[in-house]
N, C-alpha and C. Protein backbone atom coordinates (compact mmCIF):
# COMPACT_ATOMS: atom_id res chain seq x y z
N MET A 1 6.26 -3.58 7.84
CA MET A 1 5.27 -2.65 7.38
C MET A 1 3.96 -3.39 7.16
N ALA A 2 2.90 -2.67 7.19
CA ALA A 2 1.58 -3.23 6.93
C ALA A 2 0.75 -2.17 6.21
N ILE A 3 -0.27 -2.64 5.51
CA ILE A 3 -1.19 -1.74 4.83
C ILE A 3 -2.55 -1.88 5.49
N GLU A 4 -3.02 -0.79 6.06
CA GLU A 4 -4.33 -0.78 6.73
C GLU A 4 -5.43 -1.10 5.72
N GLY A 5 -6.30 -2.04 6.07
CA GLY A 5 -7.40 -2.41 5.18
C GLY A 5 -7.04 -3.47 4.15
N ALA A 6 -5.80 -3.95 4.20
CA ALA A 6 -5.36 -5.01 3.28
C ALA A 6 -4.77 -6.14 4.11
N ASP A 7 -4.82 -7.32 3.58
CA ASP A 7 -4.27 -8.48 4.27
C ASP A 7 -2.80 -8.60 3.92
N LEU A 8 -2.00 -7.61 4.37
CA LEU A 8 -0.58 -7.59 4.05
C LEU A 8 0.21 -7.08 5.23
N LYS A 9 1.19 -7.88 5.65
CA LYS A 9 2.10 -7.46 6.72
C LYS A 9 3.45 -8.11 6.43
N ILE A 10 4.50 -7.30 6.43
CA ILE A 10 5.86 -7.78 6.21
C ILE A 10 6.68 -7.37 7.42
N ASP A 11 7.23 -8.33 8.13
CA ASP A 11 8.10 -8.04 9.27
C ASP A 11 9.55 -8.17 8.82
N GLY A 12 10.31 -7.09 8.97
CA GLY A 12 11.71 -7.12 8.57
C GLY A 12 11.88 -7.03 7.07
N ASP A 13 13.01 -7.54 6.57
CA ASP A 13 13.26 -7.54 5.13
C ASP A 13 12.32 -8.54 4.47
N GLY A 14 11.85 -8.21 3.31
CA GLY A 14 10.97 -9.12 2.59
C GLY A 14 10.17 -8.40 1.54
N GLU A 15 9.34 -9.16 0.88
CA GLU A 15 8.47 -8.57 -0.14
C GLU A 15 7.20 -9.39 -0.21
N ALA A 16 6.18 -8.79 -0.76
CA ALA A 16 4.89 -9.45 -0.90
C ALA A 16 4.13 -8.79 -2.04
N THR A 17 3.16 -9.50 -2.55
CA THR A 17 2.28 -8.98 -3.60
C THR A 17 0.86 -9.04 -3.09
N VAL A 18 0.12 -7.97 -3.32
CA VAL A 18 -1.27 -7.91 -2.90
C VAL A 18 -2.08 -7.22 -3.98
N THR A 19 -3.31 -7.64 -4.17
CA THR A 19 -4.21 -6.98 -5.11
C THR A 19 -5.14 -6.07 -4.31
N LEU A 20 -5.15 -4.79 -4.67
CA LEU A 20 -5.95 -3.81 -3.95
C LEU A 20 -7.00 -3.20 -4.85
N GLU A 21 -8.11 -2.86 -4.27
CA GLU A 21 -9.15 -2.10 -4.97
C GLU A 21 -8.67 -0.65 -5.09
N ALA A 22 -9.23 0.09 -6.01
CA ALA A 22 -8.91 1.51 -6.12
C ALA A 22 -9.30 2.19 -4.81
N GLY A 23 -8.46 3.10 -4.34
CA GLY A 23 -8.73 3.82 -3.10
C GLY A 23 -7.45 4.28 -2.45
N GLU A 24 -7.58 4.76 -1.22
CA GLU A 24 -6.43 5.24 -0.46
C GLU A 24 -6.20 4.31 0.72
N TYR A 25 -4.94 3.99 0.96
CA TYR A 25 -4.55 3.07 2.02
C TYR A 25 -3.42 3.70 2.83
N ILE A 26 -3.42 3.43 4.12
CA ILE A 26 -2.34 3.91 4.98
C ILE A 26 -1.35 2.77 5.19
N ILE A 27 -0.08 3.06 4.93
CA ILE A 27 1.01 2.12 5.17
C ILE A 27 1.66 2.54 6.48
N TYR A 28 1.90 1.58 7.36
CA TYR A 28 2.52 1.94 8.62
C TYR A 28 3.61 0.95 9.00
N CYS A 29 4.55 1.44 9.78
CA CYS A 29 5.69 0.65 10.25
C CYS A 29 5.22 -0.28 11.37
N THR A 30 5.63 -1.55 11.32
CA THR A 30 5.24 -2.52 12.34
C THR A 30 6.38 -2.92 13.26
N ILE A 31 7.57 -2.37 13.03
CA ILE A 31 8.72 -2.72 13.86
C ILE A 31 9.15 -1.50 14.66
N PRO A 32 8.97 -1.53 15.99
CA PRO A 32 9.39 -0.38 16.82
C PRO A 32 10.88 -0.08 16.58
N CYS A 33 11.15 1.15 16.21
CA CYS A 33 12.52 1.50 15.84
C CYS A 33 13.06 2.71 16.58
N GLY A 34 12.29 3.25 17.50
CA GLY A 34 12.77 4.40 18.25
C GLY A 34 11.76 5.53 18.28
N GLY A 35 12.23 6.71 18.64
CA GLY A 35 11.37 7.88 18.74
C GLY A 35 10.69 8.21 17.43
N GLY A 36 9.41 8.52 17.49
CA GLY A 36 8.66 8.87 16.31
C GLY A 36 8.09 7.68 15.56
N HIS A 37 8.29 6.48 16.08
CA HIS A 37 7.82 5.27 15.41
C HIS A 37 6.32 5.33 15.10
N GLU A 38 5.53 5.82 16.05
CA GLU A 38 4.08 5.85 15.87
C GLU A 38 3.64 6.75 14.71
N GLU A 39 4.49 7.71 14.33
CA GLU A 39 4.15 8.63 13.25
C GLU A 39 4.66 8.17 11.89
N MET A 40 5.31 7.02 11.82
CA MET A 40 5.88 6.54 10.56
C MET A 40 4.78 5.92 9.71
N THR A 41 4.16 6.75 8.87
CA THR A 41 3.10 6.29 7.99
C THR A 41 3.28 6.91 6.60
N ALA A 42 2.60 6.31 5.65
CA ALA A 42 2.58 6.84 4.28
C ALA A 42 1.21 6.55 3.70
N LYS A 43 0.82 7.29 2.68
CA LYS A 43 -0.46 7.06 2.02
C LYS A 43 -0.19 6.46 0.64
N LEU A 44 -0.86 5.34 0.36
CA LEU A 44 -0.78 4.69 -0.94
C LEU A 44 -2.10 4.96 -1.66
N ILE A 45 -2.03 5.54 -2.85
CA ILE A 45 -3.23 5.85 -3.64
C ILE A 45 -3.25 4.92 -4.85
N CYS A 46 -4.29 4.08 -4.92
CA CYS A 46 -4.47 3.16 -6.05
C CYS A 46 -5.58 3.69 -6.93
N ARG A 47 -5.29 3.79 -8.22
CA ARG A 47 -6.28 4.26 -9.18
C ARG A 47 -6.44 3.23 -10.28
N VAL A 48 -7.58 3.24 -10.92
CA VAL A 48 -7.85 2.36 -12.05
C VAL A 48 -7.52 3.14 -13.32
N LYS A 49 -6.76 2.51 -14.19
CA LYS A 49 -6.43 3.15 -15.46
C LYS A 49 -6.92 2.24 -16.57
N HIS A 50 -7.68 2.80 -17.49
CA HIS A 50 -8.24 2.04 -18.60
C HIS A 50 -7.41 2.24 -19.85
N PHE A 51 -7.14 1.14 -20.52
CA PHE A 51 -6.37 1.20 -21.76
C PHE A 51 -7.27 0.77 -22.92
N LEU A 52 -7.29 1.55 -23.98
CA LEU A 52 -8.05 1.21 -25.18
C LEU A 52 -7.11 1.17 -26.37
N LYS A 53 -7.16 0.08 -27.13
CA LYS A 53 -6.33 -0.01 -28.33
C LYS A 53 -6.89 0.87 -29.45
N ASP A 54 -8.21 0.91 -29.55
CA ASP A 54 -8.85 1.66 -30.61
C ASP A 54 -9.70 2.76 -29.97
N LYS A 55 -9.40 4.00 -30.22
CA LYS A 55 -10.15 5.10 -29.62
C LYS A 55 -11.58 5.18 -30.12
N ASN A 56 -11.94 4.49 -31.19
CA ASN A 56 -13.29 4.51 -31.72
C ASN A 56 -14.22 3.51 -31.02
N VAL A 57 -13.71 2.79 -30.06
CA VAL A 57 -14.53 1.79 -29.34
C VAL A 57 -15.40 2.46 -28.34
């Protein structure tokens, strides 16, 4: 699999860590596996979440 717009590609079994900016990314399959391979995609949505200890800040 690979993430479009990110420097990440994993061939076969494995794992990786990547830091992404907030936004939408397309994940796609990089290993030809048969019919419909070209359509094997997913959308990854990264959002920024802010945490505040004191709401009065």
